[in-house]
Amino acid sequence: MFRVREDGITQQRIVLGYAYPAYECFKCVEENKTDVDQLRFWCQYWIIVAMLTVFERAGDDFVSWLPMYGEAKVALFVYLWHSKTKGTTYVYQTFVRPYVSKHEGEFDRHLVEFRARAGGLFLMYWQCVARYGHARFFEILEYLSSQSSASNHPQNNKSEAQPSQAEREEILKAAQVAIPHPPPPEKQSQGRKMTGFQKTKRV
């Protein structure tokens, strides 16, 4: 039940905090005569939303346990863009503009450093991706070659199992030597006569 409620609040926040303001901003930009004040209003809104998103990542773990926290975020989004409240103008003029103007130079310096680091990070990640793709490509090639050799292996076994004509002759000769042959008929008859003579002699 709690999970369903949380998902519903998340959907409301996406629709009311991002989808509807994005559509209104689109209409403001695409108008034939762009209203500068309205365009400035939506720019201020997205600045506030961006800052809230950054702070939300860091502070959600500490304040998300508060009751009605999700509903409060949805109400804050509606308060910022609703025509009756126009909370964006108040929040921007009271909190965002003074703070950013005070630390603008520091932010610019950090942005320059971040851009320099971003180039190095992009190069490092690109090298990692290239190495990974190179390794995976050769692994796929090795797999395909192993599969092709495995499919050809039974045919090689069949060809090896069939001996040549010379090998057959050698096998036959070895078999003839190993098997004892019976004596010729003349020797058999002589042996029979000897046994008969020995019998008569005994008598």
N, C-alpha and C. Protein backbone atom coordinates (compact mmCIF):
# COMPACT_ATOMS: atom_id res chain seq x y z
N MET A 1 0.84 -1.20 0.00
CA MET A 1 0.00 0.00 0.00
C MET A 1 0.87 1.25 0.00
N PHE A 2 1.90 1.25 0.85
CA PHE A 2 2.81 2.39 0.92
C PHE A 2 3.55 2.57 -0.40
N ARG A 3 3.92 1.44 -1.03
CA ARG A 3 4.64 1.50 -2.30
C ARG A 3 3.76 2.11 -3.38
N VAL A 4 2.49 1.75 -3.44
CA VAL A 4 1.57 2.29 -4.44
C VAL A 4 1.40 3.79 -4.23
N ARG A 5 1.30 4.20 -2.97
CA ARG A 5 1.15 5.63 -2.66
C ARG A 5 2.39 6.41 -3.09
N GLU A 6 3.56 5.84 -2.84
CA GLU A 6 4.81 6.52 -3.22
C GLU A 6 4.93 6.65 -4.73
N ASP A 7 4.55 5.60 -5.46
CA ASP A 7 4.59 5.67 -6.92
C ASP A 7 3.63 6.72 -7.45
N GLY A 8 2.46 6.84 -6.84
CA GLY A 8 1.50 7.85 -7.27
C GLY A 8 2.03 9.26 -7.05
N ILE A 9 2.69 9.48 -5.93
CA ILE A 9 3.26 10.80 -5.65
C ILE A 9 4.37 11.12 -6.64
N THR A 10 5.18 10.12 -6.98
CA THR A 10 6.26 10.33 -7.95
C THR A 10 5.69 10.71 -9.32
N GLN A 11 4.63 10.03 -9.73
CA GLN A 11 4.01 10.36 -11.02
C GLN A 11 3.43 11.78 -11.00
N GLN A 12 2.79 12.17 -9.90
CA GLN A 12 2.26 13.52 -9.80
C GLN A 12 3.37 14.57 -9.86
N ARG A 13 4.50 14.27 -9.22
CA ARG A 13 5.62 15.21 -9.24
C ARG A 13 6.20 15.34 -10.65
N ILE A 14 6.27 14.23 -11.39
CA ILE A 14 6.79 14.29 -12.76
C ILE A 14 5.86 15.10 -13.65
N VAL A 15 4.55 14.88 -13.50
CA VAL A 15 3.59 15.58 -14.35
C VAL A 15 3.51 17.05 -14.00
N LEU A 16 3.33 17.36 -12.71
CA LEU A 16 3.11 18.73 -12.28
C LEU A 16 4.41 19.54 -12.17
N GLY A 17 5.53 18.85 -11.97
CA GLY A 17 6.78 19.58 -11.79
C GLY A 17 7.62 19.69 -13.04
N TYR A 18 7.41 18.78 -14.02
CA TYR A 18 8.26 18.77 -15.21
C TYR A 18 7.46 18.80 -16.51
N ALA A 19 6.51 17.89 -16.66
CA ALA A 19 5.81 17.77 -17.93
C ALA A 19 4.96 19.01 -18.25
N TYR A 20 4.11 19.41 -17.31
CA TYR A 20 3.25 20.57 -17.57
C TYR A 20 4.06 21.87 -17.72
N PRO A 21 5.02 22.17 -16.85
CA PRO A 21 5.84 23.38 -17.07
C PRO A 21 6.63 23.35 -18.38
N ALA A 22 7.11 22.16 -18.77
CA ALA A 22 7.84 22.07 -20.03
C ALA A 22 6.92 22.39 -21.21
N TYR A 23 5.68 21.93 -21.15
CA TYR A 23 4.75 22.23 -22.23
C TYR A 23 4.41 23.72 -22.28
N GLU A 24 4.20 24.33 -21.12
CA GLU A 24 3.93 25.77 -21.08
C GLU A 24 5.13 26.57 -21.58
N CYS A 25 6.30 26.13 -21.24
CA CYS A 25 7.51 26.81 -21.73
C CYS A 25 7.63 26.67 -23.25
N PHE A 26 7.27 25.50 -23.77
CA PHE A 26 7.29 25.29 -25.22
C PHE A 26 6.34 26.24 -25.92
N LYS A 27 5.14 26.38 -25.40
CA LYS A 27 4.18 27.29 -26.02
C LYS A 27 4.67 28.73 -25.97
N CYS A 28 5.33 29.09 -24.88
CA CYS A 28 5.85 30.46 -24.76
C CYS A 28 6.95 30.72 -25.78
N VAL A 29 7.78 29.75 -26.02
CA VAL A 29 8.88 29.92 -26.98
C VAL A 29 8.36 29.96 -28.41
N GLU A 30 7.34 29.17 -28.71
CA GLU A 30 6.85 29.04 -30.08
C GLU A 30 5.81 30.08 -30.45
N GLU A 31 5.48 30.97 -29.59
CA GLU A 31 4.52 32.01 -29.94
C GLU A 31 5.12 32.97 -30.97
N ASN A 32 4.24 33.53 -31.81
CA ASN A 32 4.70 34.48 -32.82
C ASN A 32 5.31 35.72 -32.16
N LYS A 33 4.65 36.23 -31.17
CA LYS A 33 5.18 37.35 -30.40
C LYS A 33 5.50 36.85 -29.00
N THR A 34 6.77 36.58 -28.79
CA THR A 34 7.20 36.00 -27.53
C THR A 34 7.08 37.03 -26.42
N ASP A 35 6.41 36.62 -25.34
CA ASP A 35 6.29 37.47 -24.16
C ASP A 35 7.57 37.33 -23.34
N VAL A 36 8.34 38.40 -23.27
CA VAL A 36 9.64 38.35 -22.60
C VAL A 36 9.47 38.06 -21.11
N ASP A 37 8.47 38.68 -20.50
CA ASP A 37 8.25 38.46 -19.07
C ASP A 37 7.88 37.00 -18.79
N GLN A 38 7.03 36.46 -19.64
CA GLN A 38 6.65 35.06 -19.45
C GLN A 38 7.84 34.13 -19.69
N LEU A 39 8.65 34.44 -20.68
CA LEU A 39 9.83 33.63 -20.94
C LEU A 39 10.83 33.73 -19.79
N ARG A 40 10.98 34.92 -19.23
CA ARG A 40 11.86 35.08 -18.07
C ARG A 40 11.32 34.29 -16.87
N PHE A 41 10.01 34.29 -16.74
CA PHE A 41 9.40 33.56 -15.63
C PHE A 41 9.74 32.07 -15.71
N TRP A 42 9.60 31.49 -16.91
CA TRP A 42 9.88 30.06 -17.05
C TRP A 42 11.36 29.75 -16.93
N CYS A 43 12.22 30.65 -17.36
CA CYS A 43 13.66 30.46 -17.14
C CYS A 43 13.98 30.46 -15.65
N GLN A 44 13.38 31.36 -14.92
CA GLN A 44 13.57 31.38 -13.46
C GLN A 44 13.04 30.10 -12.81
N TYR A 45 11.91 29.63 -13.32
CA TYR A 45 11.35 28.39 -12.78
C TYR A 45 12.32 27.23 -12.95
N TRP A 46 12.88 27.07 -14.14
CA TRP A 46 13.78 25.94 -14.38
C TRP A 46 15.08 26.08 -13.60
N ILE A 47 15.52 27.30 -13.34
CA ILE A 47 16.69 27.49 -12.49
C ILE A 47 16.40 26.98 -11.08
N ILE A 48 15.23 27.33 -10.56
CA ILE A 48 14.86 26.88 -9.21
C ILE A 48 14.71 25.36 -9.17
N VAL A 49 14.09 24.78 -10.20
CA VAL A 49 13.90 23.33 -10.24
C VAL A 49 15.25 22.63 -10.30
N ALA A 50 16.18 23.17 -11.08
CA ALA A 50 17.51 22.57 -11.16
C ALA A 50 18.20 22.59 -9.80
N MET A 51 18.11 23.70 -9.10
CA MET A 51 18.73 23.78 -7.77
C MET A 51 18.05 22.84 -6.79
N LEU A 52 16.73 22.74 -6.88
CA LEU A 52 16.02 21.81 -5.99
C LEU A 52 16.42 20.36 -6.28
N THR A 53 16.62 20.05 -7.55
CA THR A 53 17.03 18.68 -7.91
C THR A 53 18.39 18.36 -7.34
N VAL A 54 19.32 19.32 -7.41
CA VAL A 54 20.66 19.10 -6.85
C VAL A 54 20.60 18.93 -5.34
N PHE A 55 19.87 19.80 -4.66
CA PHE A 55 19.75 19.69 -3.21
C PHE A 55 18.98 18.44 -2.80
N GLU A 56 18.05 18.01 -3.65
CA GLU A 56 17.26 16.83 -3.34
C GLU A 56 18.13 15.58 -3.30
N ARG A 57 19.10 15.48 -4.20
CA ARG A 57 20.00 14.34 -4.21
C ARG A 57 20.81 14.25 -2.93
N ALA A 58 21.18 15.40 -2.39
CA ALA A 58 22.01 15.40 -1.19
C ALA A 58 21.20 15.34 0.10
N GLY A 59 19.98 15.90 0.09
CA GLY A 59 19.23 16.02 1.34
C GLY A 59 18.07 15.08 1.52
N ASP A 60 17.76 14.29 0.48
CA ASP A 60 16.61 13.38 0.58
C ASP A 60 16.80 12.35 1.69
N ASP A 61 18.03 11.89 1.88
CA ASP A 61 18.27 10.87 2.89
C ASP A 61 18.04 11.38 4.31
N PHE A 62 18.11 12.69 4.48
CA PHE A 62 17.96 13.26 5.82
C PHE A 62 16.54 13.72 6.13
N VAL A 63 15.77 14.08 5.10
CA VAL A 63 14.44 14.64 5.34
C VAL A 63 13.32 13.81 4.72
N SER A 64 13.68 12.74 3.99
CA SER A 64 12.62 11.96 3.33
C SER A 64 11.75 11.21 4.32
N TRP A 65 12.22 11.05 5.56
CA TRP A 65 11.43 10.33 6.56
C TRP A 65 10.29 11.19 7.12
N LEU A 66 10.32 12.50 6.84
CA LEU A 66 9.28 13.37 7.36
C LEU A 66 7.92 13.02 6.75
N PRO A 67 6.86 13.07 7.53
CA PRO A 67 5.53 12.76 6.99
C PRO A 67 5.10 13.81 5.96
N MET A 68 4.42 13.34 4.94
CA MET A 68 3.91 14.20 3.86
C MET A 68 5.04 14.90 3.10
N TYR A 69 6.23 14.28 3.08
CA TYR A 69 7.35 14.90 2.37
C TYR A 69 7.13 14.91 0.86
N GLY A 70 6.66 13.79 0.30
CA GLY A 70 6.39 13.75 -1.13
C GLY A 70 5.30 14.71 -1.54
N GLU A 71 4.23 14.79 -0.75
CA GLU A 71 3.15 15.72 -1.06
C GLU A 71 3.61 17.17 -0.98
N ALA A 72 4.54 17.44 -0.06
CA ALA A 72 5.06 18.81 0.07
C ALA A 72 5.86 19.21 -1.17
N LYS A 73 6.61 18.28 -1.74
CA LYS A 73 7.35 18.61 -2.96
C LYS A 73 6.41 18.89 -4.12
N VAL A 74 5.35 18.09 -4.23
CA VAL A 74 4.37 18.34 -5.29
C VAL A 74 3.73 19.71 -5.11
N ALA A 75 3.37 20.03 -3.88
CA ALA A 75 2.75 21.34 -3.60
C ALA A 75 3.71 22.48 -3.91
N LEU A 76 5.01 22.29 -3.65
CA LEU A 76 6.00 23.32 -3.95
C LEU A 76 6.08 23.58 -5.45
N PHE A 77 6.06 22.53 -6.26
CA PHE A 77 6.09 22.72 -7.71
C PHE A 77 4.88 23.51 -8.19
N VAL A 78 3.70 23.14 -7.68
CA VAL A 78 2.48 23.85 -8.08
C VAL A 78 2.55 25.30 -7.63
N TYR A 79 3.05 25.54 -6.43
CA TYR A 79 3.19 26.91 -5.92
C TYR A 79 4.11 27.74 -6.81
N LEU A 80 5.12 27.13 -7.37
CA LEU A 80 6.08 27.89 -8.18
C LEU A 80 5.47 28.38 -9.49
N TRP A 81 4.65 27.56 -10.18
CA TRP A 81 4.17 27.96 -11.50
C TRP A 81 2.71 28.39 -11.55
N HIS A 82 1.97 28.18 -10.50
CA HIS A 82 0.53 28.48 -10.57
C HIS A 82 0.32 29.98 -10.77
N SER A 83 -0.70 30.30 -11.57
CA SER A 83 -0.94 31.71 -11.93
C SER A 83 -1.36 32.56 -10.75
N LYS A 84 -1.99 31.95 -9.74
CA LYS A 84 -2.46 32.73 -8.58
C LYS A 84 -1.33 33.00 -7.58
N THR A 85 -0.39 32.11 -7.51
CA THR A 85 0.68 32.28 -6.53
C THR A 85 1.94 32.89 -7.16
N LYS A 86 2.34 32.39 -8.36
CA LYS A 86 3.55 32.88 -9.01
C LYS A 86 4.74 32.86 -8.04
N GLY A 87 4.90 31.70 -7.38
CA GLY A 87 5.96 31.62 -6.38
C GLY A 87 7.35 31.68 -6.96
N THR A 88 7.48 31.43 -8.25
CA THR A 88 8.80 31.47 -8.87
C THR A 88 9.44 32.85 -8.73
N THR A 89 8.68 33.87 -8.99
CA THR A 89 9.22 35.24 -8.92
C THR A 89 9.69 35.55 -7.51
N TYR A 90 8.90 35.20 -6.52
CA TYR A 90 9.27 35.49 -5.14
C TYR A 90 10.51 34.71 -4.71
N VAL A 91 10.54 33.41 -4.99
CA VAL A 91 11.68 32.59 -4.58
C VAL A 91 12.95 33.03 -5.30
N TYR A 92 12.84 33.36 -6.58
CA TYR A 92 14.02 33.76 -7.33
C TYR A 92 14.56 35.10 -6.83
N GLN A 93 13.69 36.07 -6.67
CA GLN A 93 14.13 37.40 -6.25
C GLN A 93 14.61 37.43 -4.80
N THR A 94 14.06 36.56 -3.96
CA THR A 94 14.38 36.61 -2.54
C THR A 94 15.58 35.74 -2.18
N PHE A 95 15.69 34.58 -2.78
CA PHE A 95 16.73 33.62 -2.36
C PHE A 95 17.79 33.35 -3.45
N VAL A 96 17.33 33.01 -4.64
CA VAL A 96 18.27 32.53 -5.66
C VAL A 96 19.15 33.66 -6.17
N ARG A 97 18.55 34.74 -6.59
CA ARG A 97 19.33 35.83 -7.20
C ARG A 97 20.36 36.43 -6.24
N PRO A 98 20.02 36.77 -5.01
CA PRO A 98 21.05 37.32 -4.12
C PRO A 98 22.21 36.35 -3.85
N TYR A 99 21.88 35.07 -3.67
CA TYR A 99 22.93 34.10 -3.36
C TYR A 99 23.85 33.88 -4.56
N VAL A 100 23.27 33.70 -5.75
CA VAL A 100 24.10 33.45 -6.94
C VAL A 100 24.90 34.68 -7.31
N SER A 101 24.32 35.87 -7.18
CA SER A 101 25.06 37.09 -7.50
C SER A 101 26.24 37.29 -6.56
N LYS A 102 26.09 36.91 -5.31
CA LYS A 102 27.16 37.06 -4.34
C LYS A 102 28.32 36.12 -4.63
N HIS A 103 28.04 34.91 -5.11
CA HIS A 103 29.07 33.91 -5.35
C HIS A 103 29.29 33.65 -6.84
N GLU A 104 28.93 34.62 -7.67
CA GLU A 104 29.02 34.40 -9.11
C GLU A 104 30.47 34.18 -9.58
N GLY A 105 31.39 34.96 -9.06
CA GLY A 105 32.79 34.80 -9.45
C GLY A 105 33.35 33.44 -9.05
N GLU A 106 32.99 33.00 -7.86
CA GLU A 106 33.44 31.68 -7.41
C GLU A 106 32.85 30.57 -8.27
N PHE A 107 31.58 30.72 -8.63
CA PHE A 107 30.95 29.72 -9.49
C PHE A 107 31.62 29.67 -10.87
N ASP A 108 31.97 30.85 -11.42
CA ASP A 108 32.62 30.88 -12.72
C ASP A 108 33.99 30.20 -12.68
N ARG A 109 34.72 30.41 -11.61
CA ARG A 109 36.03 29.77 -11.49
C ARG A 109 35.90 28.25 -11.41
N HIS A 110 34.92 27.79 -10.63
CA HIS A 110 34.70 26.34 -10.54
C HIS A 110 34.24 25.76 -11.87
N LEU A 111 33.45 26.53 -12.62
CA LEU A 111 32.99 26.04 -13.91
C LEU A 111 34.15 25.90 -14.90
N VAL A 112 35.08 26.85 -14.87
CA VAL A 112 36.25 26.75 -15.74
C VAL A 112 37.06 25.50 -15.40
N GLU A 113 37.28 25.25 -14.10
CA GLU A 113 38.00 24.05 -13.69
C GLU A 113 37.25 22.78 -14.06
N PHE A 114 35.95 22.85 -13.93
CA PHE A 114 35.14 21.68 -14.26
C PHE A 114 35.20 21.38 -15.76
N ARG A 115 35.18 22.42 -16.59
CA ARG A 115 35.27 22.20 -18.04
C ARG A 115 36.61 21.58 -18.41
N ALA A 116 37.68 22.04 -17.75
CA ALA A 116 38.99 21.44 -18.03
C ALA A 116 39.03 19.98 -17.61
N ARG A 117 38.45 19.68 -16.44
CA ARG A 117 38.41 18.30 -16.00
C ARG A 117 37.47 17.46 -16.85
N ALA A 118 36.41 18.07 -17.33
CA ALA A 118 35.45 17.32 -18.14
C ALA A 118 36.09 16.82 -19.42
N GLY A 119 37.00 17.63 -20.02
CA GLY A 119 37.69 17.16 -21.21
C GLY A 119 38.55 15.95 -20.92
N GLY A 120 39.29 15.99 -19.77
CA GLY A 120 40.10 14.84 -19.40
C GLY A 120 39.26 13.63 -19.07
N LEU A 121 38.13 13.85 -18.39
CA LEU A 121 37.25 12.73 -18.06
C LEU A 121 36.66 12.11 -19.33
N PHE A 122 36.27 12.97 -20.27
CA PHE A 122 35.73 12.45 -21.53
C PHE A 122 36.76 11.61 -22.25
N LEU A 123 38.02 12.08 -22.30
CA LEU A 123 39.06 11.32 -22.96
C LEU A 123 39.31 9.99 -22.25
N MET A 124 39.32 10.01 -20.91
CA MET A 124 39.55 8.79 -20.16
C MET A 124 38.42 7.78 -20.38
N TYR A 125 37.16 8.25 -20.32
CA TYR A 125 36.04 7.35 -20.54
C TYR A 125 36.02 6.82 -21.98
N TRP A 126 36.42 7.66 -22.92
CA TRP A 126 36.46 7.21 -24.31
C TRP A 126 37.51 6.12 -24.49
N GLN A 127 38.67 6.27 -23.85
CA GLN A 127 39.69 5.23 -23.92
C GLN A 127 39.21 3.93 -23.28
N CYS A 128 38.51 4.06 -22.15
CA CYS A 128 37.98 2.85 -21.50
C CYS A 128 36.97 2.14 -22.39
N VAL A 129 36.10 2.92 -23.02
CA VAL A 129 35.10 2.31 -23.91
C VAL A 129 35.78 1.66 -25.10
N ALA A 130 36.82 2.32 -25.65
CA ALA A 130 37.53 1.74 -26.80
C ALA A 130 38.23 0.44 -26.41
N ARG A 131 38.86 0.42 -25.23
CA ARG A 131 39.52 -0.81 -24.79
C ARG A 131 38.52 -1.93 -24.57
N TYR A 132 37.40 -1.59 -23.95
CA TYR A 132 36.38 -2.62 -23.71
C TYR A 132 35.83 -3.15 -25.02
N GLY A 133 35.54 -2.26 -25.97
CA GLY A 133 35.04 -2.72 -27.26
C GLY A 133 36.06 -3.55 -28.01
N HIS A 134 37.34 -3.17 -27.92
CA HIS A 134 38.40 -3.93 -28.58
C HIS A 134 38.48 -5.34 -27.99
N ALA A 135 38.44 -5.43 -26.65
CA ALA A 135 38.52 -6.74 -26.00
C ALA A 135 37.31 -7.60 -26.34
N ARG A 136 36.13 -7.01 -26.31
CA ARG A 136 34.94 -7.77 -26.63
C ARG A 136 34.93 -8.25 -28.07
N PHE A 137 35.45 -7.42 -28.98
CA PHE A 137 35.48 -7.80 -30.40
C PHE A 137 36.36 -9.03 -30.60
N PHE A 138 37.52 -9.05 -29.95
CA PHE A 138 38.40 -10.21 -30.12
C PHE A 138 37.85 -11.43 -29.40
N GLU A 139 37.14 -11.24 -28.30
CA GLU A 139 36.49 -12.38 -27.65
C GLU A 139 35.44 -13.00 -28.56
N ILE A 140 34.69 -12.17 -29.26
CA ILE A 140 33.69 -12.69 -30.19
C ILE A 140 34.35 -13.43 -31.34
N LEU A 141 35.47 -12.89 -31.85
CA LEU A 141 36.18 -13.58 -32.93
C LEU A 141 36.71 -14.93 -32.46
N GLU A 142 37.27 -14.98 -31.25
CA GLU A 142 37.77 -16.25 -30.71
C GLU A 142 36.64 -17.26 -30.54
N TYR A 143 35.49 -16.77 -30.09
CA TYR A 143 34.34 -17.67 -29.91
C TYR A 143 33.88 -18.23 -31.25
N LEU A 144 33.81 -17.38 -32.26
CA LEU A 144 33.37 -17.85 -33.58
C LEU A 144 34.36 -18.83 -34.17
N SER A 145 35.67 -18.57 -33.99
CA SER A 145 36.67 -19.50 -34.52
C SER A 145 36.62 -20.85 -33.80
N SER A 146 36.38 -20.82 -32.47
CA SER A 146 36.27 -22.08 -31.73
C SER A 146 35.04 -22.86 -32.16
N GLN A 147 33.95 -22.17 -32.44
CA GLN A 147 32.75 -22.86 -32.89
C GLN A 147 32.96 -23.49 -34.27
N SER A 148 33.65 -22.78 -35.16
CA SER A 148 33.89 -23.33 -36.49
C SER A 148 34.83 -24.53 -36.43
N SER A 149 35.86 -24.47 -35.58
CA SER A 149 36.77 -25.62 -35.45
C SER A 149 36.07 -26.80 -34.82
N ALA A 150 35.17 -26.54 -33.87
CA ALA A 150 34.43 -27.64 -33.25
C ALA A 150 33.50 -28.31 -34.25
N SER A 151 32.92 -27.55 -35.18
CA SER A 151 32.04 -28.16 -36.18
C SER A 151 32.83 -28.98 -37.19
N ASN A 152 34.07 -28.62 -37.47
CA ASN A 152 34.90 -29.38 -38.41
C ASN A 152 35.62 -30.55 -37.74
N HIS A 153 35.64 -30.62 -36.43
CA HIS A 153 36.39 -31.66 -35.72
C HIS A 153 35.86 -33.07 -35.98
N PRO A 154 34.56 -33.34 -36.02
CA PRO A 154 34.07 -34.71 -36.31
C PRO A 154 34.51 -35.22 -37.67
N GLN A 155 34.55 -34.36 -38.68
CA GLN A 155 35.00 -34.80 -39.99
C GLN A 155 36.46 -35.21 -39.96
N ASN A 156 37.27 -34.46 -39.20
CA ASN A 156 38.68 -34.83 -39.08
C ASN A 156 38.84 -36.16 -38.39
N ASN A 157 38.01 -36.41 -37.39
CA ASN A 157 38.08 -37.70 -36.69
C ASN A 157 37.73 -38.85 -37.62
N LYS A 158 36.73 -38.64 -38.49
CA LYS A 158 36.34 -39.70 -39.42
C LYS A 158 37.47 -40.00 -40.40
N SER A 159 38.12 -38.95 -40.88
CA SER A 159 39.21 -39.18 -41.83
C SER A 159 40.38 -39.85 -41.15
N GLU A 160 40.63 -39.53 -39.87
CA GLU A 160 41.71 -40.18 -39.16
C GLU A 160 41.37 -41.63 -38.81
N ALA A 161 40.10 -41.95 -38.65
CA ALA A 161 39.72 -43.30 -38.26
C ALA A 161 39.87 -44.28 -39.43
N GLN A 162 39.90 -43.82 -40.66
CA GLN A 162 40.03 -44.69 -41.81
C GLN A 162 41.50 -44.80 -42.20
N PRO A 163 42.19 -45.98 -41.96
CA PRO A 163 43.62 -46.10 -42.29
C PRO A 163 43.84 -46.20 -43.79
N SER A 164 45.03 -45.90 -44.18
CA SER A 164 45.40 -46.01 -45.59
C SER A 164 45.61 -47.47 -45.98
N GLN A 165 45.88 -47.70 -47.30
CA GLN A 165 46.07 -49.06 -47.79
C GLN A 165 47.34 -49.69 -47.22
N ALA A 166 48.40 -48.92 -47.10
CA ALA A 166 49.66 -49.45 -46.53
C ALA A 166 49.46 -49.84 -45.07
N GLU A 167 48.74 -49.01 -44.33
CA GLU A 167 48.49 -49.34 -42.94
C GLU A 167 47.67 -50.61 -42.81
N ARG A 168 46.71 -50.79 -43.72
CA ARG A 168 45.90 -52.02 -43.68
C ARG A 168 46.78 -53.26 -43.92
N GLU A 169 47.69 -53.17 -44.88
CA GLU A 169 48.57 -54.31 -45.17
C GLU A 169 49.45 -54.64 -43.97
N GLU A 170 49.97 -53.60 -43.30
CA GLU A 170 50.80 -53.85 -42.13
C GLU A 170 49.99 -54.50 -41.02
N ILE A 171 48.75 -54.07 -40.85
CA ILE A 171 47.89 -54.66 -39.81
C ILE A 171 47.62 -56.13 -40.12
N LEU A 172 47.38 -56.44 -41.40
CA LEU A 172 47.12 -57.83 -41.78
C LEU A 172 48.36 -58.71 -41.56
N LYS A 173 49.55 -58.20 -41.90
CA LYS A 173 50.78 -58.96 -41.68
C LYS A 173 50.99 -59.24 -40.20
N ALA A 174 50.75 -58.21 -39.38
CA ALA A 174 50.92 -58.40 -37.95
C ALA A 174 49.93 -59.44 -37.41
N ALA A 175 48.74 -59.46 -37.96
CA ALA A 175 47.75 -60.44 -37.51
C ALA A 175 48.14 -61.84 -37.93
N GLN A 176 48.69 -61.99 -39.14
CA GLN A 176 49.11 -63.31 -39.59
C GLN A 176 50.27 -63.85 -38.76
N VAL A 177 51.18 -62.98 -38.36
CA VAL A 177 52.30 -63.43 -37.53
C VAL A 177 51.81 -63.82 -36.15
N ALA A 178 50.86 -63.10 -35.62
CA ALA A 178 50.39 -63.35 -34.26
C ALA A 178 49.56 -64.63 -34.17
N ILE A 179 48.83 -65.00 -35.24
CA ILE A 179 47.96 -66.18 -35.19
C ILE A 179 48.75 -67.41 -35.65
N PRO A 180 48.89 -68.51 -34.86
CA PRO A 180 49.65 -69.71 -35.29
C PRO A 180 48.89 -70.48 -36.36
N HIS A 181 49.65 -70.90 -37.43
CA HIS A 181 49.04 -71.62 -38.54
C HIS A 181 49.11 -73.13 -38.28
N PRO A 182 48.15 -73.92 -38.69
CA PRO A 182 48.20 -75.40 -38.52
C PRO A 182 49.27 -76.00 -39.41
N PRO A 183 49.91 -77.13 -39.03
CA PRO A 183 50.97 -77.75 -39.85
C PRO A 183 50.39 -78.27 -41.14
N PRO A 184 51.23 -78.42 -42.16
CA PRO A 184 50.73 -78.93 -43.46
C PRO A 184 50.24 -80.36 -43.34
N PRO A 185 49.51 -80.88 -44.32
CA PRO A 185 48.92 -82.23 -44.24
C PRO A 185 49.96 -83.34 -44.15
N GLU A 186 51.12 -83.21 -44.84
CA GLU A 186 52.14 -84.25 -44.80
C GLU A 186 52.66 -84.45 -43.40
N LYS A 187 52.93 -83.32 -42.70
CA LYS A 187 53.44 -83.42 -41.35
C LYS A 187 52.40 -84.02 -40.43
N GLN A 188 51.13 -83.71 -40.68
CA GLN A 188 50.08 -84.29 -39.86
C GLN A 188 50.00 -85.79 -40.03
N SER A 189 50.16 -86.30 -41.29
CA SER A 189 50.09 -87.76 -41.53
C SER A 189 51.28 -88.47 -40.92
N GLN A 190 52.50 -87.84 -41.00
CA GLN A 190 53.66 -88.42 -40.38
C GLN A 190 53.49 -88.53 -38.88
N GLY A 191 52.89 -87.51 -38.30
CA GLY A 191 52.66 -87.56 -36.87
C GLY A 191 51.71 -88.66 -36.50
N ARG A 192 50.72 -88.91 -37.37
CA ARG A 192 49.76 -89.98 -37.08
C ARG A 192 50.44 -91.34 -37.19
N LYS A 193 51.35 -91.54 -38.22
CA LYS A 193 52.06 -92.81 -38.36
C LYS A 193 52.96 -93.08 -37.17
N MET A 194 53.63 -92.01 -36.67
CA MET A 194 54.51 -92.18 -35.52
C MET A 194 53.73 -92.62 -34.30
N THR A 195 52.60 -92.07 -34.12
CA THR A 195 51.79 -92.44 -32.97
C THR A 195 51.31 -93.87 -33.11
N GLY A 196 51.01 -94.38 -34.36
CA GLY A 196 50.58 -95.76 -34.57
C GLY A 196 51.73 -96.73 -34.34
N PHE A 197 52.96 -96.35 -34.78
CA PHE A 197 54.13 -97.19 -34.57
C PHE A 197 54.45 -97.34 -33.10
N GLN A 198 54.30 -96.21 -32.39
CA GLN A 198 54.56 -96.28 -30.95
C GLN A 198 53.55 -97.19 -30.26
N LYS A 199 52.36 -97.24 -30.73
CA LYS A 199 51.37 -98.07 -30.11
C LYS A 199 51.68 -99.54 -30.37
N THR A 200 52.09 -99.92 -31.61
CA THR A 200 52.41 -101.31 -31.93
C THR A 200 53.63 -101.77 -31.16
N LYS A 201 54.61 -100.85 -30.98
CA LYS A 201 55.79 -101.18 -30.23
C LYS A 201 55.48 -101.49 -28.79
N ARG A 202 54.59 -100.76 -28.23
CA ARG A 202 54.18 -101.00 -26.84
C ARG A 202 53.53 -102.35 -26.71
N VAL A 203 52.73 -102.77 -27.70
CA VAL A 203 52.06 -104.04 -27.64
C VAL A 203 53.07 -105.16 -27.73
